[in-house]
Amino acid sequence: MERLDRDEKLERAMRAGPVIPVLTIDDVAHAVPLARALVAGGLPAIEITLRTKPALAAIEAVAREVEGAIVGAGTVLNREQLRDAQRAGATFAVSPGATPALLEAADVADMGLLPGVATASEAMVAQEAGYRFLKFFPAEASGGIHFLKSIYGPLPELRFCPTGGIDAAKARDYLALPNVLCVGGSWVVPMASIKAGDFAMITHLARDACALRS
C-alpha cells in the first residue's frame, strides 16, 4: 500500500473524534457492546491493546460486527503482532515506540502505523522514515503540553495523538494545540462500567469527550 493511502487511513482515524479510547479487553464478550457504545457516543476510532489473550479476537469481532467502528490495535511491538492485527481486521496500529524492524514491517503492511515518540530526535527519525502522524507517549511523563508547543516550531508538519496520563481535565488543553489531532485515553472506558455492563454510561462519557473539542 502506498504511503499516502496509509496516511489517509491514519488521518481518518485521528480526526474521527477528539479521543481515541484505549481499551484493554479481558473478556471478548465485552468487545462488541463496548465498541457500539463508543460509536453511539461519537468516538468511532478505538484502540484495542494487545496486552490480553482475547485482544485479537476482540479486534476481529468489532471489525466484523460494529458498523462505523474504526478499530486499531495498540501496544504493537513487532512485525508478528502487526501481521496478526492486520489479519484480525485492524485498520491501523499503534506502538509505544518505533524500532527499525517495526517501521520496516509497517512499510509493507496494508494498514497505517502510529509510531510512538517521546523526544525531538525520535520525532525526526520517524519523519525521515516518512511518518508525519505520531503517537506522543508517555505524554505527561515526557513534557506534556509544553513539549508539543516547543516542537511545533521546528517540526510544524508533524501531527500527534498524545497518550499517557491524560484525562478529561487535561484533554481539552491538548486538543487546543495546532499539532494535536486527538488524544488517547482510557477514562472514557472505566473498568467498573464494563464489568457492570453499563454501556450506557460509556456512551455518556464518550459524548462528554466529544464536547472537549470546542
N, C-alpha and C. Protein backbone atom coordinates (compact mmCIF):
# COMPACT_ATOMS: atom_id res chain seq x y z
N MET A 1 0.85 -1.20 0.00
CA MET A 1 0.00 0.00 0.00
C MET A 1 0.88 1.25 0.00
N GLU A 2 0.48 2.24 -0.78
CA GLU A 2 1.24 3.48 -0.85
C GLU A 2 1.16 4.23 0.47
N ARG A 3 2.24 4.97 0.75
CA ARG A 3 2.29 5.76 1.98
C ARG A 3 1.10 6.70 2.09
N LEU A 4 0.68 7.32 0.97
CA LEU A 4 -0.44 8.26 1.01
C LEU A 4 -1.70 7.55 1.50
N ASP A 5 -1.92 6.33 1.00
CA ASP A 5 -3.12 5.59 1.42
C ASP A 5 -3.08 5.30 2.92
N ARG A 6 -1.90 4.92 3.42
CA ARG A 6 -1.78 4.64 4.85
C ARG A 6 -1.98 5.91 5.67
N ASP A 7 -1.42 7.01 5.20
CA ASP A 7 -1.60 8.28 5.90
C ASP A 7 -3.06 8.69 5.92
N GLU A 8 -3.76 8.45 4.84
CA GLU A 8 -5.18 8.80 4.78
C GLU A 8 -5.97 7.99 5.80
N LYS A 9 -5.62 6.71 5.95
CA LYS A 9 -6.30 5.87 6.95
C LYS A 9 -6.03 6.39 8.36
N LEU A 10 -4.78 6.74 8.62
CA LEU A 10 -4.43 7.24 9.94
C LEU A 10 -5.12 8.57 10.23
N GLU A 11 -5.09 9.47 9.26
CA GLU A 11 -5.71 10.78 9.49
C GLU A 11 -7.21 10.63 9.69
N ARG A 12 -7.82 9.73 8.97
CA ARG A 12 -9.26 9.48 9.15
C ARG A 12 -9.54 9.02 10.56
N ALA A 13 -8.73 8.08 11.06
CA ALA A 13 -8.93 7.59 12.42
C ALA A 13 -8.70 8.70 13.44
N MET A 14 -7.67 9.52 13.23
CA MET A 14 -7.33 10.56 14.20
C MET A 14 -8.32 11.71 14.20
N ARG A 15 -8.97 11.93 13.09
CA ARG A 15 -9.96 13.01 13.00
C ARG A 15 -11.39 12.53 13.26
N ALA A 16 -11.57 11.24 13.47
CA ALA A 16 -12.92 10.71 13.65
C ALA A 16 -13.57 11.20 14.94
N GLY A 17 -12.75 11.53 15.93
CA GLY A 17 -13.25 12.05 17.20
C GLY A 17 -12.09 12.64 17.96
N PRO A 18 -12.34 13.48 18.92
CA PRO A 18 -11.24 14.09 19.66
C PRO A 18 -10.47 13.12 20.56
N VAL A 19 -11.07 11.98 20.84
CA VAL A 19 -10.42 10.99 21.71
C VAL A 19 -10.44 9.63 21.02
N ILE A 20 -9.30 8.95 21.03
CA ILE A 20 -9.25 7.53 20.67
C ILE A 20 -9.23 6.74 21.98
N PRO A 21 -10.34 6.11 22.35
CA PRO A 21 -10.36 5.35 23.59
C PRO A 21 -9.39 4.18 23.53
N VAL A 22 -8.65 3.98 24.60
CA VAL A 22 -7.69 2.88 24.69
C VAL A 22 -8.33 1.77 25.53
N LEU A 23 -8.57 0.62 24.90
CA LEU A 23 -9.30 -0.47 25.54
C LEU A 23 -8.36 -1.64 25.82
N THR A 24 -8.45 -2.17 27.02
CA THR A 24 -7.80 -3.43 27.37
C THR A 24 -8.91 -4.43 27.65
N ILE A 25 -9.10 -5.38 26.73
CA ILE A 25 -10.23 -6.30 26.79
C ILE A 25 -9.83 -7.60 27.48
N ASP A 26 -10.46 -7.89 28.60
CA ASP A 26 -10.22 -9.14 29.32
C ASP A 26 -11.22 -10.23 28.94
N ASP A 27 -12.38 -9.81 28.44
CA ASP A 27 -13.44 -10.74 28.07
C ASP A 27 -13.93 -10.35 26.69
N VAL A 28 -13.75 -11.22 25.70
CA VAL A 28 -14.12 -10.87 24.33
C VAL A 28 -15.61 -10.54 24.21
N ALA A 29 -16.43 -11.04 25.11
CA ALA A 29 -17.87 -10.75 25.07
C ALA A 29 -18.16 -9.27 25.28
N HIS A 30 -17.22 -8.55 25.90
CA HIS A 30 -17.43 -7.12 26.13
C HIS A 30 -17.11 -6.27 24.89
N ALA A 31 -16.37 -6.83 23.95
CA ALA A 31 -15.81 -6.01 22.86
C ALA A 31 -16.87 -5.34 22.01
N VAL A 32 -17.83 -6.11 21.53
CA VAL A 32 -18.82 -5.56 20.61
C VAL A 32 -19.74 -4.54 21.29
N PRO A 33 -20.36 -4.84 22.44
CA PRO A 33 -21.20 -3.82 23.07
C PRO A 33 -20.42 -2.57 23.48
N LEU A 34 -19.17 -2.76 23.87
CA LEU A 34 -18.33 -1.62 24.23
C LEU A 34 -18.06 -0.74 23.02
N ALA A 35 -17.69 -1.35 21.91
CA ALA A 35 -17.44 -0.58 20.69
C ALA A 35 -18.70 0.10 20.21
N ARG A 36 -19.83 -0.57 20.29
CA ARG A 36 -21.09 0.04 19.86
C ARG A 36 -21.43 1.25 20.74
N ALA A 37 -21.16 1.14 22.03
CA ALA A 37 -21.43 2.25 22.94
C ALA A 37 -20.56 3.45 22.59
N LEU A 38 -19.31 3.21 22.24
CA LEU A 38 -18.40 4.31 21.87
C LEU A 38 -18.79 4.94 20.55
N VAL A 39 -19.15 4.13 19.58
CA VAL A 39 -19.60 4.67 18.28
C VAL A 39 -20.86 5.51 18.48
N ALA A 40 -21.79 5.01 19.30
CA ALA A 40 -23.03 5.76 19.56
C ALA A 40 -22.74 7.10 20.23
N GLY A 41 -21.67 7.15 21.01
CA GLY A 41 -21.30 8.38 21.69
C GLY A 41 -20.45 9.31 20.86
N GLY A 42 -20.10 8.91 19.64
CA GLY A 42 -19.36 9.79 18.75
C GLY A 42 -17.87 9.55 18.68
N LEU A 43 -17.42 8.40 19.22
CA LEU A 43 -15.99 8.06 19.19
C LEU A 43 -15.81 6.75 18.44
N PRO A 44 -15.80 6.79 17.11
CA PRO A 44 -15.73 5.54 16.34
C PRO A 44 -14.35 4.91 16.27
N ALA A 45 -13.29 5.70 16.41
CA ALA A 45 -11.94 5.16 16.35
C ALA A 45 -11.54 4.66 17.72
N ILE A 46 -11.20 3.38 17.81
CA ILE A 46 -10.85 2.80 19.10
C ILE A 46 -9.56 2.00 18.97
N GLU A 47 -8.82 1.95 20.05
CA GLU A 47 -7.57 1.19 20.10
C GLU A 47 -7.73 0.06 21.09
N ILE A 48 -7.64 -1.18 20.60
CA ILE A 48 -7.68 -2.35 21.47
C ILE A 48 -6.25 -2.83 21.65
N THR A 49 -5.76 -2.77 22.88
CA THR A 49 -4.36 -3.10 23.13
C THR A 49 -4.14 -4.61 23.08
N LEU A 50 -2.97 -5.00 22.59
CA LEU A 50 -2.62 -6.41 22.50
C LEU A 50 -1.96 -6.90 23.80
N ARG A 51 -2.54 -6.52 24.92
CA ARG A 51 -1.97 -6.89 26.22
C ARG A 51 -2.67 -8.08 26.84
N THR A 52 -3.74 -8.54 26.22
CA THR A 52 -4.50 -9.65 26.79
C THR A 52 -4.71 -10.73 25.73
N LYS A 53 -4.98 -11.93 26.17
CA LYS A 53 -5.19 -13.04 25.23
C LYS A 53 -6.39 -12.83 24.30
N PRO A 54 -7.50 -12.24 24.78
CA PRO A 54 -8.65 -12.06 23.88
C PRO A 54 -8.52 -10.89 22.90
N ALA A 55 -7.40 -10.17 22.92
CA ALA A 55 -7.32 -8.92 22.16
C ALA A 55 -7.57 -9.11 20.66
N LEU A 56 -6.92 -10.08 20.05
CA LEU A 56 -7.09 -10.28 18.61
C LEU A 56 -8.51 -10.72 18.27
N ALA A 57 -9.08 -11.57 19.10
CA ALA A 57 -10.47 -11.98 18.88
C ALA A 57 -11.41 -10.79 19.05
N ALA A 58 -11.09 -9.90 19.98
CA ALA A 58 -11.91 -8.69 20.17
C ALA A 58 -11.83 -7.79 18.95
N ILE A 59 -10.62 -7.61 18.41
CA ILE A 59 -10.47 -6.79 17.20
C ILE A 59 -11.28 -7.39 16.06
N GLU A 60 -11.18 -8.70 15.90
CA GLU A 60 -11.91 -9.37 14.82
C GLU A 60 -13.42 -9.19 14.98
N ALA A 61 -13.92 -9.32 16.20
CA ALA A 61 -15.36 -9.20 16.44
C ALA A 61 -15.85 -7.79 16.15
N VAL A 62 -15.10 -6.79 16.61
CA VAL A 62 -15.50 -5.40 16.38
C VAL A 62 -15.45 -5.07 14.89
N ALA A 63 -14.39 -5.49 14.22
CA ALA A 63 -14.26 -5.21 12.79
C ALA A 63 -15.40 -5.85 12.00
N ARG A 64 -15.85 -7.01 12.44
CA ARG A 64 -16.88 -7.74 11.72
C ARG A 64 -18.28 -7.26 12.05
N GLU A 65 -18.51 -6.85 13.31
CA GLU A 65 -19.90 -6.68 13.77
C GLU A 65 -20.32 -5.25 14.08
N VAL A 66 -19.38 -4.33 14.23
CA VAL A 66 -19.76 -2.99 14.68
C VAL A 66 -19.67 -2.00 13.53
N GLU A 67 -20.82 -1.63 13.03
CA GLU A 67 -20.88 -0.69 11.92
C GLU A 67 -20.37 0.68 12.37
N GLY A 68 -19.50 1.25 11.56
CA GLY A 68 -18.98 2.59 11.85
C GLY A 68 -17.73 2.61 12.68
N ALA A 69 -17.34 1.47 13.26
CA ALA A 69 -16.14 1.43 14.10
C ALA A 69 -14.88 1.44 13.24
N ILE A 70 -13.89 2.18 13.70
CA ILE A 70 -12.56 2.18 13.08
C ILE A 70 -11.64 1.57 14.13
N VAL A 71 -11.38 0.29 13.97
CA VAL A 71 -10.70 -0.44 15.04
C VAL A 71 -9.20 -0.52 14.76
N GLY A 72 -8.43 -0.18 15.80
CA GLY A 72 -6.99 -0.25 15.72
C GLY A 72 -6.44 -1.17 16.78
N ALA A 73 -5.20 -1.61 16.56
CA ALA A 73 -4.51 -2.46 17.52
C ALA A 73 -3.44 -1.65 18.23
N GLY A 74 -3.43 -1.72 19.55
CA GLY A 74 -2.45 -0.96 20.32
C GLY A 74 -1.38 -1.84 20.94
N THR A 75 -0.35 -1.20 21.44
CA THR A 75 0.79 -1.87 22.03
C THR A 75 1.39 -2.89 21.06
N VAL A 76 1.47 -2.50 19.79
CA VAL A 76 2.09 -3.34 18.78
C VAL A 76 3.60 -3.16 18.89
N LEU A 77 4.31 -4.26 19.12
CA LEU A 77 5.74 -4.19 19.42
C LEU A 77 6.64 -4.77 18.34
N ASN A 78 6.09 -5.60 17.44
CA ASN A 78 6.93 -6.27 16.46
C ASN A 78 6.13 -6.60 15.21
N ARG A 79 6.85 -7.13 14.20
CA ARG A 79 6.21 -7.42 12.93
C ARG A 79 5.15 -8.52 13.04
N GLU A 80 5.35 -9.46 13.94
CA GLU A 80 4.38 -10.53 14.09
C GLU A 80 3.05 -9.99 14.62
N GLN A 81 3.12 -9.13 15.61
CA GLN A 81 1.89 -8.53 16.14
C GLN A 81 1.22 -7.64 15.10
N LEU A 82 2.01 -6.93 14.31
CA LEU A 82 1.45 -6.10 13.24
C LEU A 82 0.72 -6.97 12.24
N ARG A 83 1.34 -8.09 11.85
CA ARG A 83 0.71 -9.02 10.91
C ARG A 83 -0.58 -9.60 11.48
N ASP A 84 -0.53 -10.02 12.75
CA ASP A 84 -1.71 -10.63 13.37
C ASP A 84 -2.85 -9.62 13.49
N ALA A 85 -2.52 -8.37 13.83
CA ALA A 85 -3.55 -7.33 13.96
C ALA A 85 -4.21 -7.06 12.62
N GLN A 86 -3.40 -7.04 11.56
CA GLN A 86 -3.95 -6.81 10.23
C GLN A 86 -4.88 -7.95 9.83
N ARG A 87 -4.46 -9.18 10.09
CA ARG A 87 -5.30 -10.33 9.76
C ARG A 87 -6.60 -10.34 10.55
N ALA A 88 -6.56 -9.79 11.76
CA ALA A 88 -7.78 -9.75 12.60
C ALA A 88 -8.76 -8.68 12.13
N GLY A 89 -8.29 -7.75 11.29
CA GLY A 89 -9.19 -6.73 10.77
C GLY A 89 -8.92 -5.32 11.22
N ALA A 90 -7.82 -5.11 11.95
CA ALA A 90 -7.48 -3.75 12.38
C ALA A 90 -7.14 -2.89 11.16
N THR A 91 -7.57 -1.63 11.19
CA THR A 91 -7.27 -0.73 10.08
C THR A 91 -6.10 0.19 10.39
N PHE A 92 -5.67 0.22 11.65
CA PHE A 92 -4.47 0.96 12.00
C PHE A 92 -3.85 0.30 13.22
N ALA A 93 -2.57 0.60 13.44
CA ALA A 93 -1.85 0.06 14.58
C ALA A 93 -1.16 1.19 15.32
N VAL A 94 -0.97 0.99 16.62
CA VAL A 94 -0.33 1.99 17.47
C VAL A 94 0.78 1.31 18.25
N SER A 95 1.95 1.93 18.28
CA SER A 95 3.06 1.35 19.02
C SER A 95 3.56 2.35 20.06
N PRO A 96 4.09 1.86 21.19
CA PRO A 96 4.61 2.78 22.21
C PRO A 96 5.92 3.43 21.80
N GLY A 97 6.62 2.82 20.86
CA GLY A 97 7.87 3.35 20.33
C GLY A 97 8.00 2.96 18.88
N ALA A 98 9.20 3.12 18.32
CA ALA A 98 9.38 2.81 16.91
C ALA A 98 10.77 2.21 16.69
N THR A 99 10.83 0.91 16.42
CA THR A 99 12.09 0.27 16.11
C THR A 99 12.24 0.18 14.59
N PRO A 100 13.48 0.08 14.09
CA PRO A 100 13.66 -0.06 12.64
C PRO A 100 12.90 -1.25 12.06
N ALA A 101 12.88 -2.38 12.78
CA ALA A 101 12.19 -3.57 12.29
C ALA A 101 10.68 -3.33 12.19
N LEU A 102 10.11 -2.65 13.17
CA LEU A 102 8.68 -2.38 13.15
C LEU A 102 8.33 -1.43 12.01
N LEU A 103 9.12 -0.38 11.84
CA LEU A 103 8.87 0.57 10.75
C LEU A 103 9.01 -0.12 9.40
N GLU A 104 9.97 -1.01 9.27
CA GLU A 104 10.15 -1.75 8.02
C GLU A 104 8.94 -2.63 7.74
N ALA A 105 8.43 -3.30 8.77
CA ALA A 105 7.25 -4.15 8.59
C ALA A 105 6.04 -3.32 8.22
N ALA A 106 5.91 -2.14 8.82
CA ALA A 106 4.77 -1.27 8.54
C ALA A 106 4.80 -0.76 7.11
N ASP A 107 5.99 -0.65 6.52
CA ASP A 107 6.09 -0.15 5.16
C ASP A 107 5.43 -1.07 4.14
N VAL A 108 5.31 -2.34 4.46
CA VAL A 108 4.70 -3.28 3.52
C VAL A 108 3.35 -3.79 4.02
N ALA A 109 2.87 -3.24 5.12
CA ALA A 109 1.57 -3.66 5.67
C ALA A 109 0.44 -2.88 5.02
N ASP A 110 -0.72 -3.51 5.00
CA ASP A 110 -1.91 -2.87 4.42
C ASP A 110 -2.68 -2.13 5.49
N MET A 111 -1.97 -1.39 6.32
CA MET A 111 -2.61 -0.63 7.39
C MET A 111 -1.65 0.46 7.85
N GLY A 112 -2.19 1.49 8.46
CA GLY A 112 -1.36 2.58 8.94
C GLY A 112 -0.78 2.27 10.31
N LEU A 113 0.41 2.81 10.57
CA LEU A 113 1.05 2.69 11.88
C LEU A 113 1.23 4.06 12.49
N LEU A 114 0.82 4.18 13.75
CA LEU A 114 1.03 5.39 14.53
C LEU A 114 2.17 5.10 15.50
N PRO A 115 3.41 5.41 15.11
CA PRO A 115 4.54 5.05 15.96
C PRO A 115 4.70 6.01 17.13
N GLY A 116 5.12 5.49 18.25
CA GLY A 116 5.29 6.31 19.44
C GLY A 116 6.64 7.01 19.46
N VAL A 117 6.63 8.27 19.89
CA VAL A 117 7.85 9.05 20.08
C VAL A 117 7.74 9.80 21.40
N ALA A 118 8.91 10.10 21.99
CA ALA A 118 8.91 10.84 23.25
C ALA A 118 9.91 11.98 23.25
N THR A 119 10.71 12.10 22.18
CA THR A 119 11.72 13.16 22.10
C THR A 119 11.73 13.76 20.71
N ALA A 120 12.40 14.91 20.59
CA ALA A 120 12.53 15.54 19.28
C ALA A 120 13.31 14.65 18.32
N SER A 121 14.36 14.01 18.81
CA SER A 121 15.15 13.13 17.95
C SER A 121 14.32 11.97 17.42
N GLU A 122 13.51 11.37 18.28
CA GLU A 122 12.67 10.27 17.83
C GLU A 122 11.65 10.76 16.81
N ALA A 123 11.11 11.95 17.01
CA ALA A 123 10.17 12.51 16.05
C ALA A 123 10.84 12.76 14.70
N MET A 124 12.09 13.23 14.73
CA MET A 124 12.83 13.48 13.49
C MET A 124 13.13 12.17 12.76
N VAL A 125 13.49 11.13 13.50
CA VAL A 125 13.75 9.83 12.89
C VAL A 125 12.48 9.30 12.21
N ALA A 126 11.35 9.42 12.89
CA ALA A 126 10.09 8.97 12.31
C ALA A 126 9.74 9.78 11.07
N GLN A 127 9.97 11.07 11.13
CA GLN A 127 9.68 11.92 9.98
C GLN A 127 10.57 11.54 8.79
N GLU A 128 11.84 11.29 9.05
CA GLU A 128 12.75 10.87 7.98
C GLU A 128 12.31 9.55 7.36
N ALA A 129 11.66 8.70 8.15
CA ALA A 129 11.16 7.43 7.65
C ALA A 129 9.83 7.57 6.92
N GLY A 130 9.32 8.80 6.84
CA GLY A 130 8.09 9.05 6.09
C GLY A 130 6.83 9.17 6.92
N TYR A 131 6.99 9.25 8.24
CA TYR A 131 5.81 9.34 9.11
C TYR A 131 5.58 10.77 9.56
N ARG A 132 4.35 11.23 9.42
CA ARG A 132 4.01 12.57 9.92
C ARG A 132 2.89 12.52 10.95
N PHE A 133 2.27 11.35 11.13
CA PHE A 133 1.28 11.16 12.19
C PHE A 133 1.91 10.27 13.25
N LEU A 134 2.01 10.79 14.48
CA LEU A 134 2.75 10.12 15.53
C LEU A 134 1.97 10.06 16.83
N LYS A 135 2.28 9.07 17.63
CA LYS A 135 1.79 8.98 18.99
C LYS A 135 2.84 9.60 19.90
N PHE A 136 2.44 10.54 20.74
CA PHE A 136 3.35 11.12 21.73
C PHE A 136 3.12 10.38 23.03
N PHE A 137 4.11 9.57 23.44
CA PHE A 137 3.92 8.67 24.58
C PHE A 137 5.24 8.47 25.30
N PRO A 138 5.21 8.41 26.65
CA PRO A 138 4.08 8.75 27.54
C PRO A 138 3.96 10.26 27.68
N ALA A 139 2.85 10.81 27.30
CA ALA A 139 2.70 12.25 27.12
C ALA A 139 3.03 13.06 28.38
N GLU A 140 2.32 12.80 29.46
CA GLU A 140 2.52 13.61 30.66
C GLU A 140 3.92 13.44 31.23
N ALA A 141 4.47 12.25 31.16
CA ALA A 141 5.81 12.00 31.70
C ALA A 141 6.92 12.53 30.81
N SER A 142 6.58 12.89 29.57
CA SER A 142 7.60 13.32 28.61
C SER A 142 7.53 14.81 28.27
N GLY A 143 6.90 15.58 29.12
CA GLY A 143 6.84 17.02 28.90
C GLY A 143 5.49 17.57 28.55
N GLY A 144 4.57 16.69 28.22
CA GLY A 144 3.18 17.08 28.01
C GLY A 144 2.98 18.20 27.02
N ILE A 145 2.10 19.11 27.38
CA ILE A 145 1.73 20.23 26.50
C ILE A 145 2.93 21.10 26.18
N HIS A 146 3.82 21.30 27.15
CA HIS A 146 4.98 22.16 26.91
C HIS A 146 5.89 21.58 25.83
N PHE A 147 6.05 20.27 25.81
CA PHE A 147 6.86 19.64 24.77
C PHE A 147 6.23 19.86 23.39
N LEU A 148 4.93 19.62 23.29
CA LEU A 148 4.27 19.75 22.00
C LEU A 148 4.28 21.19 21.49
N LYS A 149 4.15 22.13 22.40
CA LYS A 149 4.27 23.53 22.00
C LYS A 149 5.67 23.84 21.49
N SER A 150 6.68 23.29 22.15
CA SER A 150 8.06 23.57 21.78
C SER A 150 8.44 22.95 20.44
N ILE A 151 7.91 21.77 20.16
CA ILE A 151 8.31 21.05 18.95
C ILE A 151 7.57 21.55 17.71
N TYR A 152 6.51 22.30 17.90
CA TYR A 152 5.72 22.75 16.76
C TYR A 152 6.52 23.69 15.85
N GLY A 153 7.34 24.54 16.42
CA GLY A 153 8.12 25.47 15.62
C GLY A 153 9.09 24.79 14.67
N PRO A 154 9.98 23.91 15.17
CA PRO A 154 10.94 23.26 14.29
C PRO A 154 10.36 22.12 13.44
N LEU A 155 9.25 21.52 13.90
CA LEU A 155 8.67 20.38 13.17
C LEU A 155 7.17 20.61 12.96
N PRO A 156 6.82 21.63 12.18
CA PRO A 156 5.41 22.02 12.07
C PRO A 156 4.55 21.05 11.28
N GLU A 157 5.18 20.15 10.50
CA GLU A 157 4.39 19.24 9.66
C GLU A 157 3.83 18.06 10.45
N LEU A 158 4.40 17.80 11.61
CA LEU A 158 4.01 16.60 12.36
C LEU A 158 2.69 16.82 13.11
N ARG A 159 1.90 15.75 13.20
CA ARG A 159 0.65 15.77 13.93
C ARG A 159 0.64 14.62 14.92
N PHE A 160 0.12 14.88 16.12
CA PHE A 160 0.28 13.95 17.23
C PHE A 160 -1.05 13.49 17.82
N CYS A 161 -0.98 12.28 18.39
CA CYS A 161 -2.01 11.78 19.30
C CYS A 161 -1.33 11.53 20.63
N PRO A 162 -1.32 12.52 21.54
CA PRO A 162 -0.70 12.31 22.84
C PRO A 162 -1.50 11.31 23.68
N THR A 163 -0.78 10.41 24.33
CA THR A 163 -1.39 9.36 25.14
C THR A 163 -0.50 9.10 26.35
N GLY A 164 -1.14 8.86 27.47
CA GLY A 164 -0.38 8.54 28.68
C GLY A 164 -0.54 9.59 29.75
N GLY A 165 -1.37 9.30 30.75
CA GLY A 165 -1.59 10.23 31.84
C GLY A 165 -2.59 11.32 31.54
N ILE A 166 -3.33 11.18 30.44
CA ILE A 166 -4.30 12.22 30.05
C ILE A 166 -5.69 11.82 30.50
N ASP A 167 -6.38 12.76 31.11
CA ASP A 167 -7.77 12.55 31.50
C ASP A 167 -8.62 13.66 30.91
N ALA A 168 -9.89 13.66 31.25
CA ALA A 168 -10.80 14.64 30.67
C ALA A 168 -10.37 16.06 31.00
N ALA A 169 -9.84 16.29 32.20
CA ALA A 169 -9.45 17.63 32.61
C ALA A 169 -8.27 18.16 31.79
N LYS A 170 -7.36 17.26 31.40
CA LYS A 170 -6.18 17.67 30.64
C LYS A 170 -6.40 17.64 29.14
N ALA A 171 -7.35 16.85 28.68
CA ALA A 171 -7.51 16.64 27.25
C ALA A 171 -7.82 17.92 26.49
N ARG A 172 -8.65 18.78 27.06
CA ARG A 172 -9.05 20.00 26.34
C ARG A 172 -7.85 20.87 25.98
N ASP A 173 -6.88 20.99 26.90
CA ASP A 173 -5.70 21.80 26.62
C ASP A 173 -4.84 21.18 25.52
N TYR A 174 -4.73 19.87 25.53
CA TYR A 174 -4.00 19.20 24.45
C TYR A 174 -4.69 19.44 23.11
N LEU A 175 -6.00 19.30 23.08
CA LEU A 175 -6.75 19.42 21.83
C LEU A 175 -6.72 20.83 21.26
N ALA A 176 -6.38 21.81 22.09
CA ALA A 176 -6.29 23.19 21.60
C ALA A 176 -5.00 23.46 20.84
N LEU A 177 -4.04 22.54 20.89
CA LEU A 177 -2.76 22.74 20.22
C LEU A 177 -2.90 22.48 18.72
N PRO A 178 -2.19 23.26 17.88
CA PRO A 178 -2.33 23.11 16.43
C PRO A 178 -1.75 21.81 15.89
N ASN A 179 -0.86 21.17 16.62
CA ASN A 179 -0.25 19.93 16.13
C ASN A 179 -0.84 18.68 16.78
N VAL A 180 -1.98 18.82 17.43
CA VAL A 180 -2.67 17.68 18.05
C VAL A 180 -4.00 17.46 17.35
N LEU A 181 -4.18 16.26 16.80
CA LEU A 181 -5.44 15.92 16.14
C LEU A 181 -6.42 15.25 17.08
N CYS A 182 -5.89 14.51 18.06
CA CYS A 182 -6.74 13.80 19.00
C CYS A 182 -5.86 13.39 20.18
N VAL A 183 -6.46 12.87 21.20
CA VAL A 183 -5.71 12.31 22.33
C VAL A 183 -6.16 10.88 22.54
N GLY A 184 -5.29 10.08 23.14
CA GLY A 184 -5.66 8.73 23.52
C GLY A 184 -5.87 8.65 25.01
N GLY A 185 -6.86 7.89 25.43
CA GLY A 185 -7.12 7.80 26.86
C GLY A 185 -8.08 6.68 27.20
N SER A 186 -8.03 6.26 28.44
CA SER A 186 -8.89 5.17 28.90
C SER A 186 -9.99 5.64 29.84
N TRP A 187 -10.03 6.95 30.12
CA TRP A 187 -11.02 7.41 31.10
C TRP A 187 -12.45 7.26 30.60
N VAL A 188 -12.64 7.19 29.27
CA VAL A 188 -14.00 7.05 28.74
C VAL A 188 -14.49 5.60 28.80
N VAL A 189 -13.60 4.68 29.20
CA VAL A 189 -14.00 3.27 29.29
C VAL A 189 -13.63 2.71 30.67
N PRO A 190 -14.23 3.24 31.73
CA PRO A 190 -13.88 2.77 33.08
C PRO A 190 -14.21 1.29 33.26
N MET A 191 -13.28 0.59 33.85
CA MET A 191 -13.44 -0.86 34.03
C MET A 191 -14.68 -1.21 34.83
N ALA A 192 -15.01 -0.37 35.80
CA ALA A 192 -16.20 -0.66 36.62
C ALA A 192 -17.46 -0.69 35.76
N SER A 193 -17.56 0.24 34.80
CA SER A 193 -18.74 0.27 33.92
C SER A 193 -18.76 -0.94 33.00
N ILE A 194 -17.58 -1.34 32.51
CA ILE A 194 -17.52 -2.51 31.63
C ILE A 194 -17.96 -3.76 32.38
N LYS A 195 -17.41 -3.97 33.57
CA LYS A 195 -17.75 -5.17 34.34
C LYS A 195 -19.22 -5.20 34.74
N ALA A 196 -19.79 -4.00 34.95
CA ALA A 196 -21.20 -3.92 35.32
C ALA A 196 -22.13 -4.00 34.12
N GLY A 197 -21.56 -3.97 32.92
CA GLY A 197 -22.38 -3.97 31.71
C GLY A 197 -23.10 -2.66 31.50
N ASP A 198 -22.58 -1.59 32.10
CA ASP A 198 -23.22 -0.28 32.00
C ASP A 198 -22.66 0.45 30.77
N PHE A 199 -23.06 -0.01 29.60
CA PHE A 199 -22.54 0.58 28.37
C PHE A 199 -23.20 1.92 28.07
N ALA A 200 -24.37 2.17 28.66
CA ALA A 200 -25.00 3.49 28.52
C ALA A 200 -24.12 4.57 29.15
N MET A 201 -23.48 4.25 30.27
CA MET A 201 -22.57 5.19 30.90
C MET A 201 -21.37 5.49 29.99
N ILE A 202 -20.88 4.48 29.30
CA ILE A 202 -19.76 4.68 28.39
C ILE A 202 -20.17 5.56 27.22
N THR A 203 -21.37 5.39 26.72
CA THR A 203 -21.87 6.29 25.66
C THR A 203 -21.93 7.72 26.18
N HIS A 204 -22.40 7.88 27.40
CA HIS A 204 -22.46 9.21 28.02
C HIS A 204 -21.07 9.83 28.14
N LEU A 205 -20.09 9.05 28.59
CA LEU A 205 -18.73 9.56 28.72
C LEU A 205 -18.13 9.89 27.36
N ALA A 206 -18.47 9.10 26.35
CA ALA A 206 -17.99 9.38 25.00
C ALA A 206 -18.55 10.70 24.48
N ARG A 207 -19.81 10.96 24.75
CA ARG A 207 -20.42 12.22 24.32
C ARG A 207 -19.77 13.41 25.04
N ASP A 208 -19.48 13.23 26.31
CA ASP A 208 -18.79 14.29 27.04
C ASP A 208 -17.40 14.53 26.44
N ALA A 209 -16.73 13.45 26.05
CA ALA A 209 -15.41 13.59 25.45
C ALA A 209 -15.47 14.33 24.11
N CYS A 210 -16.51 14.09 23.35
CA CYS A 210 -16.67 14.80 22.07
C CYS A 210 -16.82 16.29 22.28
N ALA A 211 -17.38 16.68 23.41
CA ALA A 211 -17.57 18.11 23.70
C ALA A 211 -16.29 18.80 24.10
N LEU A 212 -15.20 18.05 24.30
CA LEU A 212 -13.94 18.67 24.72
C LEU A 212 -13.33 19.51 23.61
N ARG A 213 -13.63 19.17 22.37
CA ARG A 213 -13.12 19.98 21.25
C ARG A 213 -14.18 21.01 20.91
N SER A 214 -13.95 22.22 21.36
CA SER A 214 -14.96 23.27 21.15
C SER A 214 -14.43 24.32 20.17
